[in-house]
Amino acid sequence: MIGVLAGIHILVSLGLIVLVLLHSGSAGGLGGLGFTPTSQGGTHIVERNLTRLTIIVAIVWFVDTVALFRLLK
C-alpha cells in the first residue's frame, strides 16, 4: 500500500510542478509562450481552467502526503 501511494505521490508531484510552470506570472513564465492567451478583459478561460486544475492536483497531493504520513507513522 505504501508503494502504491509513493508512486502516486511521485506522479502527482511531477504533474503539480508542470502545472505551476505553465502558469503565466508577472514575468510571463512558460505560460507566456502562446499556450495561454489573455483577453482584453483579463484572464482567458484557459488560464482559469489551468488554475482550477492546479488547485485540484494540489489538493490530491496534500491528501496523498497526509495518507503517506499516517501509514509511515
PDB file of N, CA and C in Angstrom:
ATOM      1  N   MET A   1       0.829  -1.202   0.000  1.00  0.00           N
ATOM      2  CA  MET A   1       0.000   0.000   0.000  1.00  0.00           C
ATOM      3  C   MET A   1       0.869   1.260   0.000  1.00  0.00           C
ATOM      4  N   ILE A   2       1.956   1.214   0.761  1.00  0.00           N
ATOM      5  CA  ILE A   2       2.850   2.371   0.819  1.00  0.00           C
ATOM      6  C   ILE A   2       3.513   2.592  -0.533  1.00  0.00           C
ATOM      7  N   GLY A   3       3.872   1.516  -1.205  1.00  0.00           N
ATOM      8  CA  GLY A   3       4.496   1.625  -2.521  1.00  0.00           C
ATOM      9  C   GLY A   3       3.574   2.261  -3.555  1.00  0.00           C
ATOM     10  N   VAL A   4       2.306   1.892  -3.501  1.00  0.00           N
ATOM     11  CA  VAL A   4       1.326   2.462  -4.434  1.00  0.00           C
ATOM     12  C   VAL A   4       1.156   3.951  -4.171  1.00  0.00           C
ATOM     13  N   LEU A   5       0.999   4.312  -2.901  1.00  0.00           N
ATOM     14  CA  LEU A   5       0.841   5.730  -2.553  1.00  0.00           C
ATOM     15  C   LEU A   5       2.099   6.531  -2.877  1.00  0.00           C
ATOM     16  N   ALA A   6       3.263   5.933  -2.702  1.00  0.00           N
ATOM     17  CA  ALA A   6       4.508   6.623  -3.033  1.00  0.00           C
ATOM     18  C   ALA A   6       4.616   6.846  -4.540  1.00  0.00           C
ATOM     19  N   GLY A   7       4.211   5.870  -5.330  1.00  0.00           N
ATOM     20  CA  GLY A   7       4.210   6.028  -6.782  1.00  0.00           C
ATOM     21  C   GLY A   7       3.242   7.104  -7.239  1.00  0.00           C
ATOM     22  N   ILE A   8       2.051   7.097  -6.646  1.00  0.00           N
ATOM     23  CA  ILE A   8       1.070   8.142  -6.957  1.00  0.00           C
ATOM     24  C   ILE A   8       1.609   9.504  -6.553  1.00  0.00           C
ATOM     25  N   HIS A   9       2.273   9.556  -5.412  1.00  0.00           N
ATOM     26  CA  HIS A   9       2.818  10.820  -4.915  1.00  0.00           C
ATOM     27  C   HIS A   9       3.861  11.390  -5.882  1.00  0.00           C
ATOM     28  N   ILE A  10       4.705  10.532  -6.435  1.00  0.00           N
ATOM     29  CA  ILE A  10       5.715  10.988  -7.391  1.00  0.00           C
ATOM     30  C   ILE A  10       5.045  11.537  -8.644  1.00  0.00           C
ATOM     31  N   LEU A  11       4.052  10.826  -9.170  1.00  0.00           N
ATOM     32  CA  LEU A  11       3.361  11.282 -10.380  1.00  0.00           C
ATOM     33  C   LEU A  11       2.614  12.584 -10.156  1.00  0.00           C
ATOM     34  N   VAL A  12       1.930  12.687  -9.023  1.00  0.00           N
ATOM     35  CA  VAL A  12       1.189  13.912  -8.720  1.00  0.00           C
ATOM     36  C   VAL A  12       2.154  15.074  -8.497  1.00  0.00           C
ATOM     37  N   SER A  13       3.286  14.815  -7.874  1.00  0.00           N
ATOM     38  CA  SER A  13       4.278  15.868  -7.653  1.00  0.00           C
ATOM     39  C   SER A  13       4.815  16.407  -8.970  1.00  0.00           C
ATOM     40  N   LEU A  14       5.135  15.510  -9.892  1.00  0.00           N
ATOM     41  CA  LEU A  14       5.614  15.938 -11.204  1.00  0.00           C
ATOM     42  C   LEU A  14       4.538  16.722 -11.961  1.00  0.00           C
ATOM     43  N   GLY A  15       3.307  16.247 -11.878  1.00  0.00           N
ATOM     44  CA  GLY A  15       2.201  16.956 -12.520  1.00  0.00           C
ATOM     45  C   GLY A  15       2.002  18.348 -11.939  1.00  0.00           C
ATOM     46  N   LEU A  16       2.131  18.467 -10.634  1.00  0.00           N
ATOM     47  CA  LEU A  16       1.974  19.760  -9.981  1.00  0.00           C
ATOM     48  C   LEU A  16       3.081  20.728 -10.394  1.00  0.00           C
ATOM     49  N   ILE A  17       4.293  20.220 -10.522  1.00  0.00           N
ATOM     50  CA  ILE A  17       5.409  21.060 -10.970  1.00  0.00           C
ATOM     51  C   ILE A  17       5.141  21.586 -12.378  1.00  0.00           C
ATOM     52  N   VAL A  18       4.698  20.702 -13.259  1.00  0.00           N
ATOM     53  CA  VAL A  18       4.412  21.111 -14.642  1.00  0.00           C
ATOM     54  C   VAL A  18       3.294  22.137 -14.678  1.00  0.00           C
ATOM     55  N   LEU A  19       2.233  21.918 -13.910  1.00  0.00           N
ATOM     56  CA  LEU A  19       1.114  22.856 -13.909  1.00  0.00           C
ATOM     57  C   LEU A  19       1.520  24.229 -13.386  1.00  0.00           C
ATOM     58  N   VAL A  20       2.332  24.261 -12.352  1.00  0.00           N
ATOM     59  CA  VAL A  20       2.776  25.550 -11.813  1.00  0.00           C
ATOM     60  C   VAL A  20       3.649  26.274 -12.832  1.00  0.00           C
ATOM     61  N   LEU A  21       4.499  25.545 -13.536  1.00  0.00           N
ATOM     62  CA  LEU A  21       5.357  26.173 -14.538  1.00  0.00           C
ATOM     63  C   LEU A  21       4.571  26.680 -15.742  1.00  0.00           C
ATOM     64  N   LEU A  22       3.416  26.099 -16.016  1.00  0.00           N
ATOM     65  CA  LEU A  22       2.603  26.548 -17.141  1.00  0.00           C
ATOM     66  C   LEU A  22       1.900  27.874 -16.878  1.00  0.00           C
ATOM     67  N   HIS A  23       1.747  28.232 -15.618  1.00  0.00           N
ATOM     68  CA  HIS A  23       1.075  29.492 -15.298  1.00  0.00           C
ATOM     69  C   HIS A  23       1.899  30.672 -15.771  1.00  0.00           C
ATOM     70  N   SER A  24       1.204  31.673 -16.278  1.00  0.00           N
ATOM     71  CA  SER A  24       1.907  32.887 -16.671  1.00  0.00           C
ATOM     72  C   SER A  24       1.867  33.856 -15.502  1.00  0.00           C
ATOM     73  N   GLY A  25       3.020  34.182 -15.002  1.00  0.00           N
ATOM     74  CA  GLY A  25       3.118  35.108 -13.885  1.00  0.00           C
ATOM     75  C   GLY A  25       3.393  36.513 -14.380  1.00  0.00           C
ATOM     76  N   SER A  26       3.976  37.330 -13.529  1.00  0.00           N
ATOM     77  CA  SER A  26       4.275  38.704 -13.909  1.00  0.00           C
ATOM     78  C   SER A  26       5.371  38.759 -14.972  1.00  0.00           C
ATOM     79  N   ALA A  27       6.242  37.761 -15.007  1.00  0.00           N
ATOM     80  CA  ALA A  27       7.320  37.741 -15.990  1.00  0.00           C
ATOM     81  C   ALA A  27       6.957  36.895 -17.209  1.00  0.00           C
ATOM     82  N   GLY A  28       5.756  36.407 -17.276  1.00  0.00           N
ATOM     83  CA  GLY A  28       5.334  35.613 -18.422  1.00  0.00           C
ATOM     84  C   GLY A  28       5.362  34.136 -18.150  1.00  0.00           C
ATOM     85  N   GLY A  29       6.415  33.623 -17.564  1.00  0.00           N
ATOM     86  CA  GLY A  29       6.527  32.201 -17.266  1.00  0.00           C
ATOM     87  C   GLY A  29       6.483  31.358 -18.520  1.00  0.00           C
ATOM     88  N   LEU A  30       6.363  30.076 -18.370  1.00  0.00           N
ATOM     89  CA  LEU A  30       6.235  29.198 -19.524  1.00  0.00           C
ATOM     90  C   LEU A  30       4.866  29.327 -20.163  1.00  0.00           C
ATOM     91  N   GLY A  31       3.913  29.851 -19.426  1.00  0.00           N
ATOM     92  CA  GLY A  31       2.586  30.064 -19.973  1.00  0.00           C
ATOM     93  C   GLY A  31       2.550  31.194 -20.975  1.00  0.00           C
ATOM     94  N   GLY A  32       3.556  32.036 -20.988  1.00  0.00           N
ATOM     95  CA  GLY A  32       3.618  33.142 -21.923  1.00  0.00           C
ATOM     96  C   GLY A  32       4.122  32.753 -23.294  1.00  0.00           C
ATOM     97  N   LEU A  33       4.281  31.478 -23.543  1.00  0.00           N
ATOM     98  CA  LEU A  33       4.777  31.010 -24.831  1.00  0.00           C
ATOM     99  C   LEU A  33       3.673  30.912 -25.871  1.00  0.00           C
ATOM    100  N   GLY A  34       2.516  31.470 -25.587  1.00  0.00           N
ATOM    101  CA  GLY A  34       1.419  31.419 -26.532  1.00  0.00           C
ATOM    102  C   GLY A  34       0.418  30.332 -26.210  1.00  0.00           C
ATOM    103  N   PHE A  35       0.686  29.541 -25.195  1.00  0.00           N
ATOM    104  CA  PHE A  35      -0.229  28.454 -24.827  1.00  0.00           C
ATOM    105  C   PHE A  35      -1.489  28.986 -24.165  1.00  0.00           C
ATOM    106  N   THR A  36      -1.349  30.029 -23.360  1.00  0.00           N
ATOM    107  CA  THR A  36      -2.494  30.582 -22.644  1.00  0.00           C
ATOM    108  C   THR A  36      -2.647  32.054 -22.995  1.00  0.00           C
ATOM    109  N   PRO A  37      -3.406  32.363 -24.019  1.00  0.00           N
ATOM    110  CA  PRO A  37      -3.582  33.768 -24.392  1.00  0.00           C
ATOM    111  C   PRO A  37      -4.466  34.503 -23.403  1.00  0.00           C
ATOM    112  N   THR A  38      -4.238  35.788 -23.260  1.00  0.00           N
ATOM    113  CA  THR A  38      -5.080  36.597 -22.389  1.00  0.00           C
ATOM    114  C   THR A  38      -5.973  37.469 -23.241  1.00  0.00           C
ATOM    115  N   SER A  39      -7.159  37.708 -22.749  1.00  0.00           N
ATOM    116  CA  SER A  39      -8.099  38.542 -23.480  1.00  0.00           C
ATOM    117  C   SER A  39      -8.038  39.966 -22.946  1.00  0.00           C
ATOM    118  N   GLN A  40      -8.794  40.845 -23.549  1.00  0.00           N
ATOM    119  CA  GLN A  40      -8.818  42.253 -23.131  1.00  0.00           C
ATOM    120  C   GLN A  40      -9.383  42.406 -21.725  1.00  0.00           C
ATOM    121  N   GLY A  41     -10.306  41.541 -21.366  1.00  0.00           N
ATOM    122  CA  GLY A  41     -10.976  41.659 -20.079  1.00  0.00           C
ATOM    123  C   GLY A  41     -10.225  41.029 -18.922  1.00  0.00           C
ATOM    124  N   GLY A  42      -9.072  40.473 -19.147  1.00  0.00           N
ATOM    125  CA  GLY A  42      -8.321  39.850 -18.066  1.00  0.00           C
ATOM    126  C   GLY A  42      -7.894  38.444 -18.420  1.00  0.00           C
ATOM    127  N   THR A  43      -8.068  37.540 -17.480  1.00  0.00           N
ATOM    128  CA  THR A  43      -7.591  36.175 -17.652  1.00  0.00           C
ATOM    129  C   THR A  43      -8.477  35.411 -18.624  1.00  0.00           C
ATOM    130  N   HIS A  44      -7.858  34.703 -19.515  1.00  0.00           N
ATOM    131  CA  HIS A  44      -8.577  33.901 -20.504  1.00  0.00           C
ATOM    132  C   HIS A  44      -9.105  32.635 -19.844  1.00  0.00           C
ATOM    133  N   ILE A  45     -10.058  31.996 -20.484  1.00  0.00           N
ATOM    134  CA  ILE A  45     -10.692  30.801 -19.927  1.00  0.00           C
ATOM    135  C   ILE A  45      -9.683  29.667 -19.728  1.00  0.00           C
ATOM    136  N   VAL A  46      -8.672  29.597 -20.592  1.00  0.00           N
ATOM    137  CA  VAL A  46      -7.662  28.540 -20.453  1.00  0.00           C
ATOM    138  C   VAL A  46      -6.869  28.733 -19.172  1.00  0.00           C
ATOM    139  N   GLU A  47      -6.522  29.976 -18.878  1.00  0.00           N
ATOM    140  CA  GLU A  47      -5.772  30.268 -17.649  1.00  0.00           C
ATOM    141  C   GLU A  47      -6.604  29.961 -16.412  1.00  0.00           C
ATOM    142  N   ARG A  48      -7.892  30.271 -16.456  1.00  0.00           N
ATOM    143  CA  ARG A  48      -8.763  29.953 -15.312  1.00  0.00           C
ATOM    144  C   ARG A  48      -8.892  28.450 -15.115  1.00  0.00           C
ATOM    145  N   ASN A  49      -9.034  27.710 -16.224  1.00  0.00           N
ATOM    146  CA  ASN A  49      -9.115  26.250 -16.109  1.00  0.00           C
ATOM    147  C   ASN A  49      -7.800  25.660 -15.626  1.00  0.00           C
ATOM    148  N   LEU A  50      -6.690  26.246 -16.047  1.00  0.00           N
ATOM    149  CA  LEU A  50      -5.382  25.798 -15.573  1.00  0.00           C
ATOM    150  C   LEU A  50      -5.250  26.018 -14.065  1.00  0.00           C
ATOM    151  N   THR A  51      -5.767  27.143 -13.604  1.00  0.00           N
ATOM    152  CA  THR A  51      -5.741  27.430 -12.164  1.00  0.00           C
ATOM    153  C   THR A  51      -6.595  26.425 -11.394  1.00  0.00           C
ATOM    154  N   ARG A  52      -7.778  26.130 -11.914  1.00  0.00           N
ATOM    155  CA  ARG A  52      -8.650  25.153 -11.249  1.00  0.00           C
ATOM    156  C   ARG A  52      -8.001  23.774 -11.203  1.00  0.00           C
ATOM    157  N   LEU A  53      -7.392  23.364 -12.314  1.00  0.00           N
ATOM    158  CA  LEU A  53      -6.727  22.065 -12.362  1.00  0.00           C
ATOM    159  C   LEU A  53      -5.546  22.016 -11.400  1.00  0.00           C
ATOM    160  N   THR A  54      -4.808  23.114 -11.296  1.00  0.00           N
ATOM    161  CA  THR A  54      -3.682  23.176 -10.364  1.00  0.00           C
ATOM    162  C   THR A  54      -4.158  23.036  -8.923  1.00  0.00           C
ATOM    163  N   ILE A  55      -5.258  23.670  -8.591  1.00  0.00           N
ATOM    164  CA  ILE A  55      -5.801  23.578  -7.231  1.00  0.00           C
ATOM    165  C   ILE A  55      -6.245  22.152  -6.928  1.00  0.00           C
ATOM    166  N   ILE A  56      -6.895  21.505  -7.886  1.00  0.00           N
ATOM    167  CA  ILE A  56      -7.351  20.127  -7.679  1.00  0.00           C
ATOM    168  C   ILE A  56      -6.159  19.192  -7.479  1.00  0.00           C
ATOM    169  N   VAL A  57      -5.132  19.346  -8.306  1.00  0.00           N
ATOM    170  CA  VAL A  57      -3.946  18.490  -8.186  1.00  0.00           C
ATOM    171  C   VAL A  57      -3.225  18.766  -6.864  1.00  0.00           C
ATOM    172  N   ALA A  58      -3.202  20.026  -6.430  1.00  0.00           N
ATOM    173  CA  ALA A  58      -2.571  20.356  -5.153  1.00  0.00           C
ATOM    174  C   ALA A  58      -3.322  19.710  -3.982  1.00  0.00           C
ATOM    175  N   ILE A  59      -4.634  19.665  -4.064  1.00  0.00           N
ATOM    176  CA  ILE A  59      -5.428  19.017  -3.009  1.00  0.00           C
ATOM    177  C   ILE A  59      -5.157  17.513  -2.992  1.00  0.00           C
ATOM    178  N   VAL A  60      -5.086  16.897  -4.179  1.00  0.00           N
ATOM    179  CA  VAL A  60      -4.762  15.465  -4.261  1.00  0.00           C
ATOM    180  C   VAL A  60      -3.379  15.208  -3.683  1.00  0.00           C
ATOM    181  N   TRP A  61      -2.424  16.089  -3.997  1.00  0.00           N
ATOM    182  CA  TRP A  61      -1.061  15.948  -3.471  1.00  0.00           C
ATOM    183  C   TRP A  61      -1.064  16.036  -1.949  1.00  0.00           C
ATOM    184  N   PHE A  62      -1.829  16.978  -1.389  1.00  0.00           N
ATOM    185  CA  PHE A  62      -1.899  17.145   0.064  1.00  0.00           C
ATOM    186  C   PHE A  62      -2.504  15.915   0.731  1.00  0.00           C
ATOM    187  N   VAL A  63      -3.601  15.407   0.183  1.00  0.00           N
ATOM    188  CA  VAL A  63      -4.260  14.228   0.755  1.00  0.00           C
ATOM    189  C   VAL A  63      -3.324  13.020   0.691  1.00  0.00           C
ATOM    190  N   ASP A  64      -2.611  12.883  -0.425  1.00  0.00           N
ATOM    191  CA  ASP A  64      -1.666  11.776  -0.556  1.00  0.00           C
ATOM    192  C   ASP A  64      -0.518  11.909   0.438  1.00  0.00           C
ATOM    193  N   THR A  65      -0.056  13.134   0.672  1.00  0.00           N
ATOM    194  CA  THR A  65       1.009  13.364   1.648  1.00  0.00           C
ATOM    195  C   THR A  65       0.555  12.985   3.054  1.00  0.00           C
ATOM    196  N   VAL A  66      -0.654  13.375   3.408  1.00  0.00           N
ATOM    197  CA  VAL A  66      -1.186  13.037   4.737  1.00  0.00           C
ATOM    198  C   VAL A  66      -1.365  11.525   4.873  1.00  0.00           C
ATOM    199  N   ALA A  67      -1.853  10.879   3.807  1.00  0.00           N
ATOM    200  CA  ALA A  67      -2.030   9.425   3.855  1.00  0.00           C
ATOM    201  C   ALA A  67      -0.687   8.716   4.020  1.00  0.00           C
ATOM    202  N   LEU A  68       0.319   9.173   3.298  1.00  0.00           N
ATOM    203  CA  LEU A  68       1.651   8.574   3.453  1.00  0.00           C
ATOM    204  C   LEU A  68       2.188   8.803   4.865  1.00  0.00           C
ATOM    205  N   PHE A  69       1.981   9.980   5.404  1.00  0.00           N
ATOM    206  CA  PHE A  69       2.440  10.275   6.757  1.00  0.00           C
ATOM    207  C   PHE A  69       1.776   9.341   7.766  1.00  0.00           C
ATOM    208  N   ARG A  70       0.475   9.138   7.614  1.00  0.00           N
ATOM    209  CA  ARG A  70      -0.252   8.264   8.541  1.00  0.00           C
ATOM    210  C   ARG A  70       0.219   6.810   8.443  1.00  0.00           C
ATOM    211  N   LEU A  71       0.502   6.349   7.218  1.00  0.00           N
ATOM    212  CA  LEU A  71       0.948   4.970   7.047  1.00  0.00           C
ATOM    213  C   LEU A  71       2.383   4.763   7.548  1.00  0.00           C
ATOM    214  N   LEU A  72       3.221   5.773   7.444  1.00  0.00           N
ATOM    215  CA  LEU A  72       4.608   5.636   7.861  1.00  0.00           C
ATOM    216  C   LEU A  72       4.811   5.920   9.350  1.00  0.00           C
ATOM    217  N   LYS A  73       3.789   6.404  10.013  1.00  0.00           N
ATOM    218  CA  LYS A  73       3.876   6.767  11.422  1.00  0.00           C
ATOM    219  C   LYS A  73       3.996   5.552  12.296  1.00  0.00           C
TER     220      LYS A  73
END
